[in-house]
Amino acid sequence: MSRKPKKGYFVRGVFVAEGSELDLAYKRELKGTDTASKTDLKRESDERQQLGEDLLTLRADLSQRLLDQGHLNDKLMDAVAEAKRITNFEGRRRQMQFIGKLMRKLDEEDIEAIREALRAQHSGSAKETLALHQAEHWRDRLLQSDDAVAEWMAAYPATDSQQLRAMVRQARKDNTADKTTESQGLAPRQGRSYREIFQLVKQTLQEAENAHE
């Protein structure tokens, strides 16, 4: 995964990354004080504490990638794993404070990599949700109209047309039976073909998406 260019500036030919110790030192020098603003320190501390909590929700594959790239260390990973196991409120609170302490020791480059991983996870979740909605939309259209079946075959000609039409016919029959059941006051149950159409549509859309990436 390519990394985004660091934000920063050059001082006497040396690149200073924003948020780095050198950056903070220069800022303290410009302010004429040896200590960073209490507000700045509190804001940075709170942000890293929150990122530490967000790490508990990060997918295992993304966490492993950060570990492999050197942005996370074993001590922090173990602390996160332990926090997930703790159910006692006070014990979990103390563990999260410990995680926050470890987070504050990370370089700004590591913090940005964690932010990227969390953004990637959120983006991936949104993408998966959209894909499910698209599959559901196509499934409903296919059940409602033969024109939609023809449109699908034109868009995805590799689909087995006989199989698709057979599933659609069966799903329509099942749907009619479901309406009869519902009229009798019983909860409707979708048939096997209904679910199979959804899986076929979902897989086809996913393969098409992968082919364009």
C-alpha atoms as a PDB file:
ATOM      1  CA  MET A   1       0.000   0.000   0.000  1.00  0.00           C
ATOM      2  CA  SER A   2       1.463   3.318  -1.069  1.00  0.00           C
ATOM      3  CA  ARG A   3       1.828   5.900   1.618  1.00  0.00           C
ATOM      4  CA  LYS A   4       0.593   9.454   1.297  1.00  0.00           C
ATOM      5  CA  PRO A   5       3.263  12.177   1.222  1.00  0.00           C
ATOM      6  CA  LYS A   6       3.969  13.524   4.670  1.00  0.00           C
ATOM      7  CA  LYS A   7       2.892  17.064   5.432  1.00  0.00           C
ATOM      8  CA  GLY A   8       5.721  19.285   6.597  1.00  0.00           C
ATOM      9  CA  TYR A   9       8.366  21.772   5.635  1.00  0.00           C
ATOM     10  CA  PHE A  10      12.133  22.127   5.208  1.00  0.00           C
ATOM     11  CA  VAL A  11      14.505  23.836   7.654  1.00  0.00           C
ATOM     12  CA  ARG A  12      18.086  24.256   6.449  1.00  0.00           C
ATOM     13  CA  GLY A  13      17.596  21.435   3.950  1.00  0.00           C
ATOM     14  CA  VAL A  14      16.076  19.055   6.526  1.00  0.00           C
ATOM     15  CA  PHE A  15      12.461  17.899   6.105  1.00  0.00           C
ATOM     16  CA  VAL A  16      10.375  18.382   9.237  1.00  0.00           C
ATOM     17  CA  ALA A  17       7.151  16.342   9.344  1.00  0.00           C
ATOM     18  CA  GLU A  18       4.160  18.012  10.947  1.00  0.00           C
ATOM     19  CA  GLY A  19       3.499  16.618  14.401  1.00  0.00           C
ATOM     20  CA  SER A  20       7.012  15.205  14.777  1.00  0.00           C
ATOM     21  CA  GLU A  21       9.190  15.930  17.785  1.00  0.00           C
ATOM     22  CA  LEU A  22      11.331  18.259  15.652  1.00  0.00           C
ATOM     23  CA  ASP A  23       8.241  20.114  14.475  1.00  0.00           C
ATOM     24  CA  LEU A  24       7.045  20.587  18.055  1.00  0.00           C
ATOM     25  CA  ALA A  25      10.502  21.747  19.077  1.00  0.00           C
ATOM     26  CA  TYR A  26      10.560  24.410  16.337  1.00  0.00           C
ATOM     27  CA  LYS A  27       7.080  25.561  17.283  1.00  0.00           C
ATOM     28  CA  ARG A  28       8.072  25.841  20.927  1.00  0.00           C
ATOM     29  CA  GLU A  29      11.100  27.847  19.865  1.00  0.00           C
ATOM     30  CA  LEU A  30       8.950  30.205  17.806  1.00  0.00           C
ATOM     31  CA  LYS A  31       6.581  30.687  20.722  1.00  0.00           C
ATOM     32  CA  GLY A  32       9.517  31.517  22.934  1.00  0.00           C
ATOM     33  CA  THR A  33       8.755  28.745  25.370  1.00  0.00           C
ATOM     34  CA  ASP A  34      10.239  25.360  26.139  1.00  0.00           C
ATOM     35  CA  THR A  35       6.877  23.689  26.593  1.00  0.00           C
ATOM     36  CA  ALA A  36       4.121  23.039  24.111  1.00  0.00           C
ATOM     37  CA  SER A  37       0.745  24.624  24.703  1.00  0.00           C
ATOM     38  CA  LYS A  38      -1.332  22.673  27.215  1.00  0.00           C
ATOM     39  CA  THR A  39      -4.247  22.844  24.783  1.00  0.00           C
ATOM     40  CA  ASP A  40      -2.141  21.348  21.960  1.00  0.00           C
ATOM     41  CA  LEU A  41      -0.865  18.558  24.192  1.00  0.00           C
ATOM     42  CA  LYS A  42      -4.360  17.758  25.486  1.00  0.00           C
ATOM     43  CA  ARG A  43      -5.813  17.684  21.966  1.00  0.00           C
ATOM     44  CA  GLU A  44      -3.071  15.379  20.689  1.00  0.00           C
ATOM     45  CA  SER A  45      -3.404  13.129  23.727  1.00  0.00           C
ATOM     46  CA  ASP A  46      -7.188  12.855  23.337  1.00  0.00           C
ATOM     47  CA  GLU A  47      -6.883  12.074  19.621  1.00  0.00           C
ATOM     48  CA  ARG A  48      -4.404   9.280  20.200  1.00  0.00           C
ATOM     49  CA  GLN A  49      -6.547   7.891  23.009  1.00  0.00           C
ATOM     50  CA  GLN A  50      -9.518   7.768  20.630  1.00  0.00           C
ATOM     51  CA  LEU A  51      -7.439   6.149  17.882  1.00  0.00           C
ATOM     52  CA  GLY A  52      -6.391   3.534  20.414  1.00  0.00           C
ATOM     53  CA  GLU A  53     -10.053   2.759  21.095  1.00  0.00           C
ATOM     54  CA  ASP A  54     -10.760   2.644  17.355  1.00  0.00           C
ATOM     55  CA  LEU A  55      -8.003   0.049  16.971  1.00  0.00           C
ATOM     56  CA  LEU A  56     -10.264  -2.393  18.802  1.00  0.00           C
ATOM     57  CA  THR A  57     -12.680  -2.251  15.857  1.00  0.00           C
ATOM     58  CA  LEU A  58     -10.035  -2.600  13.122  1.00  0.00           C
ATOM     59  CA  ARG A  59     -10.238  -5.753  11.018  1.00  0.00           C
ATOM     60  CA  ALA A  60      -7.594  -8.394  11.666  1.00  0.00           C
ATOM     61  CA  ASP A  61      -6.145  -8.190   8.139  1.00  0.00           C
ATOM     62  CA  LEU A  62      -5.671  -4.415   8.394  1.00  0.00           C
ATOM     63  CA  SER A  63      -4.106  -4.729  11.854  1.00  0.00           C
ATOM     64  CA  GLN A  64      -1.705  -7.377  10.547  1.00  0.00           C
ATOM     65  CA  ARG A  65      -0.766  -5.146   7.630  1.00  0.00           C
ATOM     66  CA  LEU A  66       0.080  -2.290  10.007  1.00  0.00           C
ATOM     67  CA  LEU A  67       2.140  -4.696  12.090  1.00  0.00           C
ATOM     68  CA  ASP A  68       3.987  -6.012   9.038  1.00  0.00           C
ATOM     69  CA  GLN A  69       4.731  -2.457   7.908  1.00  0.00           C
ATOM     70  CA  GLY A  70       6.132  -1.575  11.317  1.00  0.00           C
ATOM     71  CA  HIS A  71       3.424   0.936  12.242  1.00  0.00           C
ATOM     72  CA  LEU A  72       2.200  -1.204  15.143  1.00  0.00           C
ATOM     73  CA  ASN A  73       4.310  -3.173  17.605  1.00  0.00           C
ATOM     74  CA  ASP A  74       3.637  -6.451  19.380  1.00  0.00           C
ATOM     75  CA  LYS A  75       3.185  -4.743  22.745  1.00  0.00           C
ATOM     76  CA  LEU A  76       0.383  -2.536  21.422  1.00  0.00           C
ATOM     77  CA  MET A  77      -1.243  -5.424  19.531  1.00  0.00           C
ATOM     78  CA  ASP A  78      -1.205  -7.554  22.685  1.00  0.00           C
ATOM     79  CA  ALA A  79      -2.711  -4.681  24.684  1.00  0.00           C
ATOM     80  CA  VAL A  80      -5.527  -4.304  22.138  1.00  0.00           C
ATOM     81  CA  ALA A  81      -6.204  -8.054  22.174  1.00  0.00           C
ATOM     82  CA  GLU A  82      -6.317  -8.004  25.991  1.00  0.00           C
ATOM     83  CA  ALA A  83      -8.758  -5.066  25.986  1.00  0.00           C
ATOM     84  CA  LYS A  84     -11.126  -7.067  23.780  1.00  0.00           C
ATOM     85  CA  ARG A  85     -11.140  -9.878  26.329  1.00  0.00           C
ATOM     86  CA  ILE A  86     -11.795  -7.690  29.394  1.00  0.00           C
ATOM     87  CA  THR A  87     -15.477  -7.393  30.341  1.00  0.00           C
ATOM     88  CA  ASN A  88     -15.082  -5.627  33.687  1.00  0.00           C
ATOM     89  CA  PHE A  89     -15.746  -1.887  33.237  1.00  0.00           C
ATOM     90  CA  GLU A  90     -12.970  -0.642  35.491  1.00  0.00           C
ATOM     91  CA  GLY A  91     -10.476  -3.184  34.168  1.00  0.00           C
ATOM     92  CA  ARG A  92     -11.270  -2.190  30.605  1.00  0.00           C
ATOM     93  CA  ARG A  93     -10.954   1.506  31.454  1.00  0.00           C
ATOM     94  CA  ARG A  94      -7.466   0.969  32.887  1.00  0.00           C
ATOM     95  CA  GLN A  95      -6.489  -1.127  29.856  1.00  0.00           C
ATOM     96  CA  MET A  96      -7.652   1.621  27.486  1.00  0.00           C
ATOM     97  CA  GLN A  97      -5.559   4.144  29.410  1.00  0.00           C
ATOM     98  CA  PHE A  98      -2.568   1.847  28.927  1.00  0.00           C
ATOM     99  CA  ILE A  99      -3.314   1.625  25.200  1.00  0.00           C
ATOM    100  CA  GLY A 100      -3.512   5.414  25.054  1.00  0.00           C
ATOM    101  CA  LYS A 101      -0.100   5.613  26.713  1.00  0.00           C
ATOM    102  CA  LEU A 102       1.368   3.281  24.070  1.00  0.00           C
ATOM    103  CA  MET A 103      -0.313   5.261  21.293  1.00  0.00           C
ATOM    104  CA  ARG A 104       1.347   8.462  22.484  1.00  0.00           C
ATOM    105  CA  LYS A 105       4.732   6.838  21.936  1.00  0.00           C
ATOM    106  CA  LEU A 106       4.088   6.236  18.222  1.00  0.00           C
ATOM    107  CA  ASP A 107       5.560   8.467  15.515  1.00  0.00           C
ATOM    108  CA  GLU A 108       3.281  10.714  13.489  1.00  0.00           C
ATOM    109  CA  GLU A 109       3.901   8.471  10.456  1.00  0.00           C
ATOM    110  CA  ASP A 110       2.524   5.504  12.399  1.00  0.00           C
ATOM    111  CA  ILE A 111      -0.498   7.500  13.540  1.00  0.00           C
ATOM    112  CA  GLU A 112      -1.292   8.542   9.963  1.00  0.00           C
ATOM    113  CA  ALA A 113      -1.011   4.907   8.814  1.00  0.00           C
ATOM    114  CA  ILE A 114      -3.552   3.917  11.488  1.00  0.00           C
ATOM    115  CA  ARG A 115      -5.893   6.687  10.326  1.00  0.00           C
ATOM    116  CA  GLU A 116      -5.556   5.418   6.739  1.00  0.00           C
ATOM    117  CA  ALA A 117      -6.386   1.859   7.792  1.00  0.00           C
ATOM    118  CA  LEU A 118      -9.485   3.023   9.667  1.00  0.00           C
ATOM    119  CA  ARG A 119     -10.588   5.096   6.671  1.00  0.00           C
ATOM    120  CA  ALA A 120     -10.041   2.104   4.383  1.00  0.00           C
ATOM    121  CA  GLN A 121     -12.171  -0.065   6.661  1.00  0.00           C
ATOM    122  CA  HIS A 122     -14.977   2.488   6.729  1.00  0.00           C
ATOM    123  CA  SER A 123     -14.822   2.928   2.956  1.00  0.00           C
ATOM    124  CA  GLY A 124     -14.858  -0.845   2.473  1.00  0.00           C
ATOM    125  CA  SER A 125     -17.936  -1.216   4.695  1.00  0.00           C
ATOM    126  CA  ALA A 126     -19.769   1.464   2.725  1.00  0.00           C
ATOM    127  CA  LYS A 127     -18.785  -0.223  -0.542  1.00  0.00           C
ATOM    128  CA  GLU A 128     -20.025  -3.611   0.655  1.00  0.00           C
ATOM    129  CA  THR A 129     -23.339  -2.088   1.745  1.00  0.00           C
ATOM    130  CA  LEU A 130     -23.782  -0.470  -1.676  1.00  0.00           C
ATOM    131  CA  ALA A 131     -23.006  -3.785  -3.399  1.00  0.00           C
ATOM    132  CA  LEU A 132     -25.694  -5.545  -1.335  1.00  0.00           C
ATOM    133  CA  HIS A 133     -28.247  -2.862  -2.204  1.00  0.00           C
ATOM    134  CA  GLN A 134     -27.420  -3.194  -5.906  1.00  0.00           C
ATOM    135  CA  ALA A 135     -27.830  -6.970  -5.756  1.00  0.00           C
ATOM    136  CA  GLU A 136     -31.168  -6.647  -3.948  1.00  0.00           C
ATOM    137  CA  HIS A 137     -32.366  -4.086  -6.512  1.00  0.00           C
ATOM    138  CA  TRP A 138     -31.497  -6.358  -9.447  1.00  0.00           C
ATOM    139  CA  ARG A 139     -33.070  -9.402  -7.781  1.00  0.00           C
ATOM    140  CA  ASP A 140     -36.360  -7.539  -7.267  1.00  0.00           C
ATOM    141  CA  ARG A 141     -36.353  -6.245 -10.846  1.00  0.00           C
ATOM    142  CA  LEU A 142     -35.698  -9.721 -12.242  1.00  0.00           C
ATOM    143  CA  LEU A 143     -38.675 -11.109 -10.329  1.00  0.00           C
ATOM    144  CA  GLN A 144     -40.973  -8.315 -11.485  1.00  0.00           C
ATOM    145  CA  SER A 145     -40.262  -8.171 -15.218  1.00  0.00           C
ATOM    146  CA  ASP A 146     -39.076 -10.308 -18.127  1.00  0.00           C
ATOM    147  CA  ASP A 147     -37.671  -7.104 -19.609  1.00  0.00           C
ATOM    148  CA  ALA A 148     -35.315  -6.912 -16.631  1.00  0.00           C
ATOM    149  CA  VAL A 149     -34.143 -10.467 -17.362  1.00  0.00           C
ATOM    150  CA  ALA A 150     -33.367  -9.486 -20.960  1.00  0.00           C
ATOM    151  CA  GLU A 151     -31.604  -6.342 -19.729  1.00  0.00           C
ATOM    152  CA  TRP A 152     -29.504  -8.397 -17.315  1.00  0.00           C
ATOM    153  CA  MET A 153     -28.480 -10.844 -20.052  1.00  0.00           C
ATOM    154  CA  ALA A 154     -27.456  -7.940 -22.297  1.00  0.00           C
ATOM    155  CA  ALA A 155     -25.321  -6.475 -19.535  1.00  0.00           C
ATOM    156  CA  TYR A 156     -23.888  -9.804 -18.312  1.00  0.00           C
ATOM    157  CA  PRO A 157     -23.998 -12.227 -21.283  1.00  0.00           C
ATOM    158  CA  ALA A 158     -21.813 -14.795 -19.524  1.00  0.00           C
ATOM    159  CA  THR A 159     -24.748 -15.622 -17.248  1.00  0.00           C
ATOM    160  CA  ASP A 160     -26.405 -18.983 -17.919  1.00  0.00           C
ATOM    161  CA  SER A 161     -29.703 -17.681 -19.295  1.00  0.00           C
ATOM    162  CA  GLN A 162     -31.584 -20.976 -18.925  1.00  0.00           C
ATOM    163  CA  GLN A 163     -30.523 -21.304 -15.306  1.00  0.00           C
ATOM    164  CA  LEU A 164     -31.462 -17.706 -14.528  1.00  0.00           C
ATOM    165  CA  ARG A 165     -34.876 -17.937 -16.197  1.00  0.00           C
ATOM    166  CA  ALA A 166     -35.610 -21.213 -14.407  1.00  0.00           C
ATOM    167  CA  MET A 167     -34.742 -19.660 -11.044  1.00  0.00           C
ATOM    168  CA  VAL A 168     -36.877 -16.609 -11.820  1.00  0.00           C
ATOM    169  CA  ARG A 169     -39.891 -18.775 -12.764  1.00  0.00           C
ATOM    170  CA  GLN A 170     -39.562 -20.819  -9.595  1.00  0.00           C
ATOM    171  CA  ALA A 171     -39.093 -17.740  -7.413  1.00  0.00           C
ATOM    172  CA  ARG A 172     -42.243 -16.203  -8.896  1.00  0.00           C
ATOM    173  CA  LYS A 173     -44.183 -19.387  -8.093  1.00  0.00           C
ATOM    174  CA  ASP A 174     -42.811 -19.347  -4.559  1.00  0.00           C
ATOM    175  CA  ASN A 175     -43.740 -15.679  -4.241  1.00  0.00           C
ATOM    176  CA  THR A 176     -47.354 -16.460  -5.181  1.00  0.00           C
ATOM    177  CA  ALA A 177     -47.450 -19.167  -2.524  1.00  0.00           C
ATOM    178  CA  ASP A 178     -45.952 -16.737  -0.015  1.00  0.00           C
ATOM    179  CA  LYS A 179     -48.781 -14.270  -0.649  1.00  0.00           C
ATOM    180  CA  THR A 180     -51.330 -17.024   0.024  1.00  0.00           C
ATOM    181  CA  THR A 181     -49.552 -17.887   3.261  1.00  0.00           C
ATOM    182  CA  GLU A 182     -49.426 -14.222   4.253  1.00  0.00           C
ATOM    183  CA  SER A 183     -53.164 -13.826   3.630  1.00  0.00           C
ATOM    184  CA  GLN A 184     -53.720 -16.624   6.150  1.00  0.00           C
ATOM    185  CA  GLY A 185     -51.902 -14.608   8.781  1.00  0.00           C
ATOM    186  CA  LEU A 186     -48.672 -16.596   8.611  1.00  0.00           C
ATOM    187  CA  ALA A 187     -45.207 -15.119   8.166  1.00  0.00           C
ATOM    188  CA  PRO A 188     -44.016 -15.424   4.546  1.00  0.00           C
ATOM    189  CA  ARG A 189     -40.896 -17.484   3.848  1.00  0.00           C
ATOM    190  CA  GLN A 190     -38.790 -16.833   0.759  1.00  0.00           C
ATOM    191  CA  GLY A 191     -37.990 -19.926  -1.290  1.00  0.00           C
ATOM    192  CA  ARG A 192     -34.627 -21.314  -2.299  1.00  0.00           C
ATOM    193  CA  SER A 193     -34.740 -19.814  -5.811  1.00  0.00           C
ATOM    194  CA  TYR A 194     -35.245 -16.339  -4.346  1.00  0.00           C
ATOM    195  CA  ARG A 195     -32.004 -16.696  -2.379  1.00  0.00           C
ATOM    196  CA  GLU A 196     -30.170 -18.311  -5.305  1.00  0.00           C
ATOM    197  CA  ILE A 197     -30.994 -15.375  -7.589  1.00  0.00           C
ATOM    198  CA  PHE A 198     -29.577 -12.979  -5.033  1.00  0.00           C
ATOM    199  CA  GLN A 199     -26.345 -14.993  -4.752  1.00  0.00           C
ATOM    200  CA  LEU A 200     -25.981 -15.228  -8.537  1.00  0.00           C
ATOM    201  CA  VAL A 201     -26.534 -11.492  -8.988  1.00  0.00           C
ATOM    202  CA  LYS A 202     -24.225 -10.588  -6.131  1.00  0.00           C
ATOM    203  CA  GLN A 203     -21.401 -12.819  -7.421  1.00  0.00           C
ATOM    204  CA  THR A 204     -21.761 -11.566 -10.995  1.00  0.00           C
ATOM    205  CA  LEU A 205     -21.684  -7.913  -9.918  1.00  0.00           C
ATOM    206  CA  GLN A 206     -18.643  -8.575  -7.736  1.00  0.00           C
ATOM    207  CA  GLU A 207     -16.761 -10.299 -10.568  1.00  0.00           C
ATOM    208  CA  ALA A 208     -17.582  -7.405 -12.893  1.00  0.00           C
ATOM    209  CA  GLU A 209     -16.348  -4.913 -10.291  1.00  0.00           C
ATOM    210  CA  ASN A 210     -13.096  -6.838  -9.790  1.00  0.00           C
ATOM    211  CA  ALA A 211     -12.531  -6.980 -13.553  1.00  0.00           C
ATOM    212  CA  HIS A 212     -12.661  -3.188 -13.741  1.00  0.00           C
ATOM    213  CA  GLU A 213     -10.211  -2.609 -10.863  1.00  0.00           C
END
